[in-house]
C-alpha atoms as a PDB file:
ATOM      1  CA  MET A   1      23.995 -29.958   0.746  1.00  0.00           C
ATOM      2  CA  SER A   2      21.870 -32.537  -1.134  1.00  0.00           C
ATOM      3  CA  ASP A   3      20.986 -35.139   2.119  1.00  0.00           C
ATOM      4  CA  PHE A   4      20.163 -31.972   4.111  1.00  0.00           C
ATOM      5  CA  PHE A   5      17.548 -30.890   1.817  1.00  0.00           C
ATOM      6  CA  ASN A   6      16.619 -34.510   1.364  1.00  0.00           C
ATOM      7  CA  HIS A   7      16.331 -34.861   4.870  1.00  0.00           C
ATOM      8  CA  LEU A   8      14.250 -31.310   5.428  1.00  0.00           C
ATOM      9  CA  PHE A   9      11.963 -32.743   2.476  1.00  0.00           C
ATOM     10  CA  ALA A  10      11.148 -35.983   4.108  1.00  0.00           C
ATOM     11  CA  GLN A  11      10.454 -34.184   7.183  1.00  0.00           C
ATOM     12  CA  LEU A  12       8.170 -31.431   6.243  1.00  0.00           C
ATOM     13  CA  PHE A  13       6.072 -33.937   4.210  1.00  0.00           C
ATOM     14  CA  ALA A  14       6.165 -36.886   6.253  1.00  0.00           C
ATOM     15  CA  GLN A  15       2.461 -36.599   7.602  1.00  0.00           C
ATOM     16  CA  TYR A  16       1.340 -37.248   3.969  1.00  0.00           C
ATOM     17  CA  GLN A  17       2.951 -40.795   4.256  1.00  0.00           C
ATOM     18  CA  ALA A  18       0.170 -42.108   6.015  1.00  0.00           C
ATOM     19  CA  TYR A  19      -2.499 -40.220   3.335  1.00  0.00           C
ATOM     20  CA  THR A  20      -3.900 -41.978   0.717  1.00  0.00           C
ATOM     21  CA  PRO A  21      -3.053 -40.532  -2.857  1.00  0.00           C
ATOM     22  CA  MET A  22      -6.925 -39.120  -3.677  1.00  0.00           C
ATOM     23  CA  LEU A  23      -6.780 -37.642  -0.128  1.00  0.00           C
ATOM     24  CA  MET A  24      -3.490 -35.389  -1.245  1.00  0.00           C
ATOM     25  CA  ALA A  25      -4.889 -34.868  -4.787  1.00  0.00           C
ATOM     26  CA  LEU A  26      -8.370 -33.336  -2.924  1.00  0.00           C
ATOM     27  CA  GLU A  27      -6.354 -31.372  -0.592  1.00  0.00           C
ATOM     28  CA  LEU A  28      -4.097 -30.093  -3.515  1.00  0.00           C
ATOM     29  CA  ILE A  29      -7.510 -29.457  -5.647  1.00  0.00           C
ATOM     30  CA  ALA A  30      -8.812 -27.449  -2.752  1.00  0.00           C
ATOM     31  CA  SER A  31      -5.790 -25.627  -2.382  1.00  0.00           C
ATOM     32  CA  VAL A  32      -6.310 -24.417  -5.989  1.00  0.00           C
ATOM     33  CA  PHE A  33     -10.188 -23.456  -5.718  1.00  0.00           C
ATOM     34  CA  GLY A  34      -9.464 -21.426  -2.776  1.00  0.00           C
ATOM     35  CA  LEU A  35      -7.024 -19.339  -4.343  1.00  0.00           C
ATOM     36  CA  ILE A  36      -8.999 -19.111  -7.703  1.00  0.00           C
ATOM     37  CA  SER A  37     -11.840 -17.393  -5.206  1.00  0.00           C
ATOM     38  CA  VAL A  38      -9.263 -15.273  -3.604  1.00  0.00           C
ATOM     39  CA  LEU A  39      -8.683 -13.890  -7.434  1.00  0.00           C
ATOM     40  CA  LEU A  40     -12.429 -13.639  -8.549  1.00  0.00           C
ATOM     41  CA  SER A  41     -12.649 -11.593  -5.113  1.00  0.00           C
ATOM     42  CA  LYS A  42      -9.718  -9.342  -6.214  1.00  0.00           C
ATOM     43  CA  ARG A  43     -11.779  -8.906  -9.658  1.00  0.00           C
ATOM     44  CA  GLY A  44     -14.954  -8.506  -7.360  1.00  0.00           C
ATOM     45  CA  ASN A  45     -16.999 -11.491  -8.860  1.00  0.00           C
ATOM     46  CA  VAL A  46     -19.734 -12.959  -7.801  1.00  0.00           C
ATOM     47  CA  LEU A  47     -18.019 -16.876  -8.728  1.00  0.00           C
ATOM     48  CA  VAL A  48     -16.102 -15.753  -5.009  1.00  0.00           C
ATOM     49  CA  PHE A  49     -18.500 -17.144  -3.340  1.00  0.00           C
ATOM     50  CA  PRO A  50     -19.564 -20.778  -5.553  1.00  0.00           C
ATOM     51  CA  VAL A  51     -15.957 -21.486  -6.041  1.00  0.00           C
ATOM     52  CA  GLY A  52     -14.663 -20.683  -2.284  1.00  0.00           C
ATOM     53  CA  LEU A  53     -17.857 -22.948  -1.521  1.00  0.00           C
ATOM     54  CA  ILE A  54     -16.305 -25.837  -3.316  1.00  0.00           C
ATOM     55  CA  SER A  55     -13.030 -25.112  -1.663  1.00  0.00           C
ATOM     56  CA  THR A  56     -14.479 -25.341   1.957  1.00  0.00           C
ATOM     57  CA  GLY A  57     -16.619 -28.237   1.026  1.00  0.00           C
ATOM     58  CA  LEU A  58     -13.333 -30.406   0.145  1.00  0.00           C
ATOM     59  CA  TYR A  59     -11.759 -29.435   3.368  1.00  0.00           C
ATOM     60  CA  VAL A  60     -15.399 -30.300   5.310  1.00  0.00           C
ATOM     61  CA  TYR A  61     -14.225 -33.836   3.914  1.00  0.00           C
ATOM     62  CA  LEU A  62     -10.645 -34.203   4.482  1.00  0.00           C
ATOM     63  CA  LEU A  63     -10.662 -32.819   7.811  1.00  0.00           C
ATOM     64  CA  TRP A  64     -13.413 -35.747   8.758  1.00  0.00           C
ATOM     65  CA  GLN A  65     -11.196 -38.114   7.219  1.00  0.00           C
ATOM     66  CA  TRP A  66      -8.412 -36.824   9.366  1.00  0.00           C
ATOM     67  CA  GLN A  67     -10.376 -36.849  12.373  1.00  0.00           C
ATOM     68  CA  LEU A  68      -9.765 -32.854  12.817  1.00  0.00           C
ATOM     69  CA  PHE A  69     -13.406 -32.861  13.784  1.00  0.00           C
ATOM     70  CA  GLY A  70     -13.143 -29.319  15.211  1.00  0.00           C
ATOM     71  CA  ASP A  71     -11.165 -27.855  12.318  1.00  0.00           C
ATOM     72  CA  MET A  72     -13.872 -29.684  10.584  1.00  0.00           C
ATOM     73  CA  LEU A  73     -16.670 -27.534  11.898  1.00  0.00           C
ATOM     74  CA  ILE A  74     -14.620 -24.562  11.628  1.00  0.00           C
ATOM     75  CA  ASN A  75     -14.873 -25.424   7.856  1.00  0.00           C
ATOM     76  CA  VAL A  76     -18.824 -26.285   8.283  1.00  0.00           C
ATOM     77  CA  TYR A  77     -18.973 -22.348   9.835  1.00  0.00           C
ATOM     78  CA  TYR A  78     -17.177 -20.801   6.483  1.00  0.00           C
ATOM     79  CA  SER A  79     -19.383 -22.506   3.930  1.00  0.00           C
ATOM     80  CA  ALA A  80     -22.629 -21.369   5.585  1.00  0.00           C
ATOM     81  CA  MET A  81     -20.678 -17.903   5.593  1.00  0.00           C
ATOM     82  CA  ALA A  82     -20.074 -18.312   1.796  1.00  0.00           C
ATOM     83  CA  ILE A  83     -23.410 -19.110   1.189  1.00  0.00           C
ATOM     84  CA  PHE A  84     -24.872 -16.091   3.254  1.00  0.00           C
ATOM     85  CA  GLY A  85     -22.334 -13.759   0.672  1.00  0.00           C
ATOM     86  CA  TRP A  86     -23.360 -15.551  -2.550  1.00  0.00           C
ATOM     87  CA  ILE A  87     -26.781 -14.511  -1.231  1.00  0.00           C
ATOM     88  CA  ASN A  88     -26.844 -11.023   0.012  1.00  0.00           C
ATOM     89  CA  TRP A  89     -24.798 -10.497  -3.455  1.00  0.00           C
ATOM     90  CA  GLN A  90     -27.190 -11.860  -5.459  1.00  0.00           C
ATOM     91  CA  GLN A  91     -30.204 -10.067  -3.778  1.00  0.00           C
ATOM     92  CA  ASN A  92     -28.057  -6.490  -4.675  1.00  0.00           C
ATOM     93  CA  GLN A  93     -27.972  -7.710  -7.945  1.00  0.00           C
ATOM     94  CA  GLN A  94     -31.988  -8.646  -8.256  1.00  0.00           C
ATOM     95  CA  ASN A  95     -32.776  -5.554  -6.539  1.00  0.00           C
ATOM     96  CA  GLN A  96     -30.963  -3.404  -9.581  1.00  0.00           C
ATOM     97  CA  GLN A  97     -28.423  -2.130  -6.983  1.00  0.00           C
ATOM     98  CA  ILE A  98     -25.315  -0.744  -8.237  1.00  0.00           C
ATOM     99  CA  VAL A  99     -22.411  -2.575  -6.406  1.00  0.00           C
ATOM    100  CA  THR A 100     -19.930  -0.386  -5.346  1.00  0.00           C
ATOM    101  CA  ILE A 101     -16.833  -0.243  -3.019  1.00  0.00           C
ATOM    102  CA  SER A 102     -17.184   1.725  -0.383  1.00  0.00           C
ATOM    103  CA  THR A 103     -15.163   2.272   3.337  1.00  0.00           C
ATOM    104  CA  THR A 104     -16.450   0.790   6.518  1.00  0.00           C
ATOM    105  CA  THR A 105     -18.071   3.569   8.956  1.00  0.00           C
ATOM    106  CA  LEU A 106     -17.491   3.687  13.074  1.00  0.00           C
ATOM    107  CA  LYS A 107     -20.820   2.105  13.516  1.00  0.00           C
ATOM    108  CA  GLU A 108     -20.181  -0.559  11.090  1.00  0.00           C
ATOM    109  CA  TRP A 109     -17.042  -1.539  12.819  1.00  0.00           C
ATOM    110  CA  GLN A 110     -18.511  -1.675  15.881  1.00  0.00           C
ATOM    111  CA  GLN A 111     -21.624  -4.268  14.763  1.00  0.00           C
ATOM    112  CA  LEU A 112     -18.587  -5.988  13.244  1.00  0.00           C
ATOM    113  CA  GLY A 113     -16.677  -6.403  17.094  1.00  0.00           C
ATOM    114  CA  LEU A 114     -19.364  -7.625  18.467  1.00  0.00           C
ATOM    115  CA  ILE A 115     -19.967 -10.186  15.387  1.00  0.00           C
ATOM    116  CA  ALA A 116     -16.115 -11.142  15.980  1.00  0.00           C
ATOM    117  CA  ILE A 117     -17.059 -11.550  19.389  1.00  0.00           C
ATOM    118  CA  GLY A 118     -20.156 -13.954  19.223  1.00  0.00           C
ATOM    119  CA  SER A 119     -17.526 -15.821  16.246  1.00  0.00           C
ATOM    120  CA  PHE A 120     -14.838 -16.148  19.333  1.00  0.00           C
ATOM    121  CA  ILE A 121     -17.275 -17.394  21.806  1.00  0.00           C
ATOM    122  CA  PHE A 122     -18.763 -20.361  19.361  1.00  0.00           C
ATOM    123  CA  VAL A 123     -15.400 -21.003  18.415  1.00  0.00           C
ATOM    124  CA  GLY A 124     -14.422 -21.451  21.562  1.00  0.00           C
ATOM    125  CA  VAL A 125     -17.151 -23.321  22.484  1.00  0.00           C
ATOM    126  CA  VAL A 126     -16.203 -26.035  19.618  1.00  0.00           C
ATOM    127  CA  TYR A 127     -12.505 -26.088  20.827  1.00  0.00           C
ATOM    128  CA  TYR A 128     -14.089 -26.515  24.487  1.00  0.00           C
ATOM    129  CA  PHE A 129     -15.430 -30.025  23.329  1.00  0.00           C
ATOM    130  CA  LYS A 130     -13.108 -31.182  21.083  1.00  0.00           C
ATOM    131  CA  PRO A 131     -12.026 -33.773  22.976  1.00  0.00           C
ATOM    132  CA  PHE A 132     -15.703 -34.672  23.083  1.00  0.00           C
ATOM    133  CA  ILE A 133     -15.670 -34.135  19.199  1.00  0.00           C
ATOM    134  CA  ASN A 134     -12.074 -35.946  18.566  1.00  0.00           C
ATOM    135  CA  ASN A 135     -13.541 -39.013  20.476  1.00  0.00           C
ATOM    136  CA  HIS A 136     -16.254 -39.396  17.703  1.00  0.00           C
ATOM    137  CA  PHE A 137     -18.625 -37.404  19.909  1.00  0.00           C
ATOM    138  CA  SER A 138     -18.068 -39.914  22.719  1.00  0.00           C
ATOM    139  CA  MET A 139     -17.469 -38.928  26.097  1.00  0.00           C
ATOM    140  CA  THR A 140     -15.831 -41.978  26.976  1.00  0.00           C
ATOM    141  CA  GLY A 141     -12.601 -41.408  28.863  1.00  0.00           C
ATOM    142  CA  VAL A 142     -12.990 -37.593  28.042  1.00  0.00           C
ATOM    143  CA  SER A 143     -12.447 -34.794  30.178  1.00  0.00           C
ATOM    144  CA  LEU A 144     -13.413 -31.238  29.194  1.00  0.00           C
ATOM    145  CA  GLY A 145     -11.790 -27.949  30.029  1.00  0.00           C
ATOM    146  CA  PHE A 146      -9.593 -25.449  29.074  1.00  0.00           C
ATOM    147  CA  SER A 147      -6.678 -26.633  30.266  1.00  0.00           C
ATOM    148  CA  HIS A 148      -6.720 -29.064  26.960  1.00  0.00           C
ATOM    149  CA  PHE A 149      -6.407 -26.157  24.792  1.00  0.00           C
ATOM    150  CA  VAL A 150      -3.131 -25.527  23.120  1.00  0.00           C
ATOM    151  CA  TRP A 151      -1.810 -22.390  21.491  1.00  0.00           C
ATOM    152  CA  THR A 152      -3.530 -23.370  18.198  1.00  0.00           C
ATOM    153  CA  ASP A 153      -6.523 -23.780  19.254  1.00  0.00           C
ATOM    154  CA  TYR A 154      -6.750 -20.079  20.715  1.00  0.00           C
ATOM    155  CA  VAL A 155      -4.854 -18.915  17.170  1.00  0.00           C
ATOM    156  CA  ASP A 156      -7.307 -20.585  15.425  1.00  0.00           C
ATOM    157  CA  ILE A 157     -10.210 -18.827  17.356  1.00  0.00           C
ATOM    158  CA  LEU A 158      -8.660 -15.355  16.331  1.00  0.00           C
ATOM    159  CA  THR A 159      -8.090 -16.425  12.649  1.00  0.00           C
ATOM    160  CA  THR A 160     -11.658 -17.752  12.295  1.00  0.00           C
ATOM    161  CA  GLY A 161     -13.272 -14.064  13.784  1.00  0.00           C
ATOM    162  CA  LEU A 162     -11.032 -12.476  11.283  1.00  0.00           C
ATOM    163  CA  PHE A 163     -12.071 -14.647   8.238  1.00  0.00           C
ATOM    164  CA  LEU A 164     -15.829 -14.196   9.301  1.00  0.00           C
ATOM    165  CA  VAL A 165     -15.468 -10.449   9.574  1.00  0.00           C
ATOM    166  CA  GLY A 166     -13.235 -10.178   6.140  1.00  0.00           C
ATOM    167  CA  MET A 167     -16.586 -12.312   4.596  1.00  0.00           C
ATOM    168  CA  LEU A 168     -18.911  -9.766   5.521  1.00  0.00           C
ATOM    169  CA  LEU A 169     -16.872  -6.821   4.530  1.00  0.00           C
ATOM    170  CA  MET A 170     -16.126  -8.465   1.328  1.00  0.00           C
ATOM    171  CA  ALA A 171     -20.076  -9.252   0.951  1.00  0.00           C
ATOM    172  CA  ASN A 172     -20.518  -5.655   1.951  1.00  0.00           C
ATOM    173  CA  ARG A 173     -18.064  -4.223  -0.572  1.00  0.00           C
ATOM    174  CA  LYS A 174     -15.801  -2.820   1.621  1.00  0.00           C
ATOM    175  CA  ILE A 175     -12.473  -2.332   0.619  1.00  0.00           C
ATOM    176  CA  GLU A 176     -11.249  -3.248   4.476  1.00  0.00           C
ATOM    177  CA  ASN A 177     -11.817  -6.387   3.727  1.00  0.00           C
ATOM    178  CA  TRP A 178      -8.533  -7.281   1.913  1.00  0.00           C
ATOM    179  CA  LEU A 179      -6.546  -5.389   5.299  1.00  0.00           C
ATOM    180  CA  VAL A 180      -8.404  -8.417   7.214  1.00  0.00           C
ATOM    181  CA  TRP A 181      -7.700 -11.117   4.822  1.00  0.00           C
ATOM    182  CA  ILE A 182      -4.023  -9.772   5.006  1.00  0.00           C
ATOM    183  CA  ALA A 183      -3.839 -10.587   8.776  1.00  0.00           C
ATOM    184  CA  ALA A 184      -5.757 -13.541   8.867  1.00  0.00           C
ATOM    185  CA  ASP A 185      -3.945 -14.923   5.745  1.00  0.00           C
ATOM    186  CA  ALA A 186      -0.688 -14.157   7.224  1.00  0.00           C
ATOM    187  CA  ILE A 187      -1.003 -15.383  10.533  1.00  0.00           C
ATOM    188  CA  SER A 188      -2.477 -19.093   8.726  1.00  0.00           C
ATOM    189  CA  VAL A 189       0.432 -19.835   6.992  1.00  0.00           C
ATOM    190  CA  PRO A 190       2.822 -20.571   9.802  1.00  0.00           C
ATOM    191  CA  LEU A 191      -0.319 -21.928  11.591  1.00  0.00           C
ATOM    192  CA  TYR A 192      -1.304 -25.072   9.291  1.00  0.00           C
ATOM    193  CA  PHE A 193       2.103 -25.353   8.588  1.00  0.00           C
ATOM    194  CA  TYR A 194       3.028 -26.151  12.304  1.00  0.00           C
ATOM    195  CA  LYS A 195       0.169 -28.520  11.742  1.00  0.00           C
ATOM    196  CA  GLY A 196       1.839 -29.981   8.784  1.00  0.00           C
ATOM    197  CA  ILE A 197      -0.727 -29.467   6.372  1.00  0.00           C
ATOM    198  CA  ILE A 198       2.047 -28.072   4.026  1.00  0.00           C
ATOM    199  CA  PHE A 199      -0.414 -27.331   0.725  1.00  0.00           C
ATOM    200  CA  THR A 200      -2.685 -25.091   2.672  1.00  0.00           C
ATOM    201  CA  SER A 201       0.104 -23.261   4.272  1.00  0.00           C
ATOM    202  CA  VAL A 202       1.247 -22.397   1.047  1.00  0.00           C
ATOM    203  CA  GLN A 203      -2.262 -21.824  -0.332  1.00  0.00           C
ATOM    204  CA  TYR A 204      -2.329 -19.322   2.785  1.00  0.00           C
ATOM    205  CA  PHE A 205       0.865 -17.820   1.725  1.00  0.00           C
ATOM    206  CA  LEU A 206      -0.738 -16.759  -2.024  1.00  0.00           C
ATOM    207  CA  PHE A 207      -3.908 -15.658  -0.289  1.00  0.00           C
ATOM    208  CA  THR A 208      -1.644 -13.279   1.812  1.00  0.00           C
ATOM    209  CA  LEU A 209       0.205 -11.853  -1.760  1.00  0.00           C
ATOM    210  CA  VAL A 210      -2.890 -11.922  -3.377  1.00  0.00           C
ATOM    211  CA  ALA A 211      -4.535  -9.849  -0.410  1.00  0.00           C
ATOM    212  CA  ILE A 212      -2.123  -7.305  -1.244  1.00  0.00           C
ATOM    213  CA  LEU A 213      -2.505  -6.850  -4.782  1.00  0.00           C
ATOM    214  CA  GLY A 214      -6.304  -7.080  -4.218  1.00  0.00           C
ATOM    215  CA  TYR A 215      -6.191  -4.449  -1.649  1.00  0.00           C
ATOM    216  CA  LEU A 216      -4.119  -2.001  -3.790  1.00  0.00           C
ATOM    217  CA  SER A 217      -6.181  -2.960  -6.845  1.00  0.00           C
ATOM    218  CA  TRP A 218      -9.367  -1.980  -4.707  1.00  0.00           C
ATOM    219  CA  GLN A 219      -7.463   1.763  -3.741  1.00  0.00           C
ATOM    220  CA  LYS A 220      -7.515   2.480  -7.160  1.00  0.00           C
ATOM    221  CA  LEU A 221     -10.951   1.371  -7.647  1.00  0.00           C
ATOM    222  CA  LEU A 222     -12.207   3.198  -5.139  1.00  0.00           C
ATOM    223  CA  VAL A 223     -10.458   6.423  -6.299  1.00  0.00           C
ATOM    224  CA  GLN A 224     -11.780   6.345  -9.771  1.00  0.00           C
ATOM    225  CA  GLN A 225     -15.141   5.991  -8.447  1.00  0.00           C
ATOM    226  CA  HIS A 226     -14.786   8.855  -6.253  1.00  0.00           C
ATOM    227  CA  LEU A 227     -13.789  10.796  -9.507  1.00  0.00           C
ATOM    228  CA  THR A 228     -16.513   9.809 -11.554  1.00  0.00           C
ATOM    229  CA  GLN A 229     -19.319  10.136  -8.919  1.00  0.00           C
ATOM    230  CA  HIS A 230     -17.811  13.924  -8.139  1.00  0.00           C
ATOM    231  CA  GLN A 231     -17.693  14.102 -12.273  1.00  0.00           C
ATOM    232  CA  ASN A 232     -21.351  13.272 -12.282  1.00  0.00           C
ATOM    233  CA  LEU A 233     -22.243  15.672  -9.378  1.00  0.00           C
ATOM    234  CA  GLN A 234     -20.148  18.458 -11.383  1.00  0.00           C
ATOM    235  CA  THR A 235     -22.791  17.707 -14.357  1.00  0.00           C
ATOM    236  CA  THR A 236     -25.945  17.460 -12.820  1.00  0.00           C
ATOM    237  CA  LEU A 237     -25.180  21.139 -11.019  1.00  0.00           C
END
């Protein structure tokens, strides 16, 4: 039995044999900061954005080192969206707007659907040119085409769109952001495990659990918020 587990452990972490201790440490740090950002999001803390930015920034560097340039560009994209969310939240505070939890309207879902489609197109273009990108941005000996797509590319396209929608919902304090995160995180667990990025796979498993807790927590806050608004309305009448 011990031999079986030793063999399984060796297979799971085989890809790390080629990595330096620094790269392994940075992936672990990036995963920890990613988990902290989700916990901050659960509490509705604006620090979710700068902390998340540290995580995505580290992944940009790591993926560059691992020559996963397509994935690297996606994390650049995530970093840009984190900056957008941070600025949006800060502007609300500067305008002294009361940031409250709300639900997403049909019109907002339609707008988010269009944004998601735009994301699918953008990421699809990135993966279309992935052979060129992974060849150090050279067309020498490279051919392009959808025939080069593998199933993980399509899953990446889907999850990137989901993460974008989740970020926008979170930046606007929409409770449905947690449902989107749950779906995207759950899909990412086997995705990164298959890619051999074990620490990141474990991170997304923890993300899924935290997102479930976050949704339940925000549900309670939303109910309390509605009760407070109703009481205030009764007081004014």
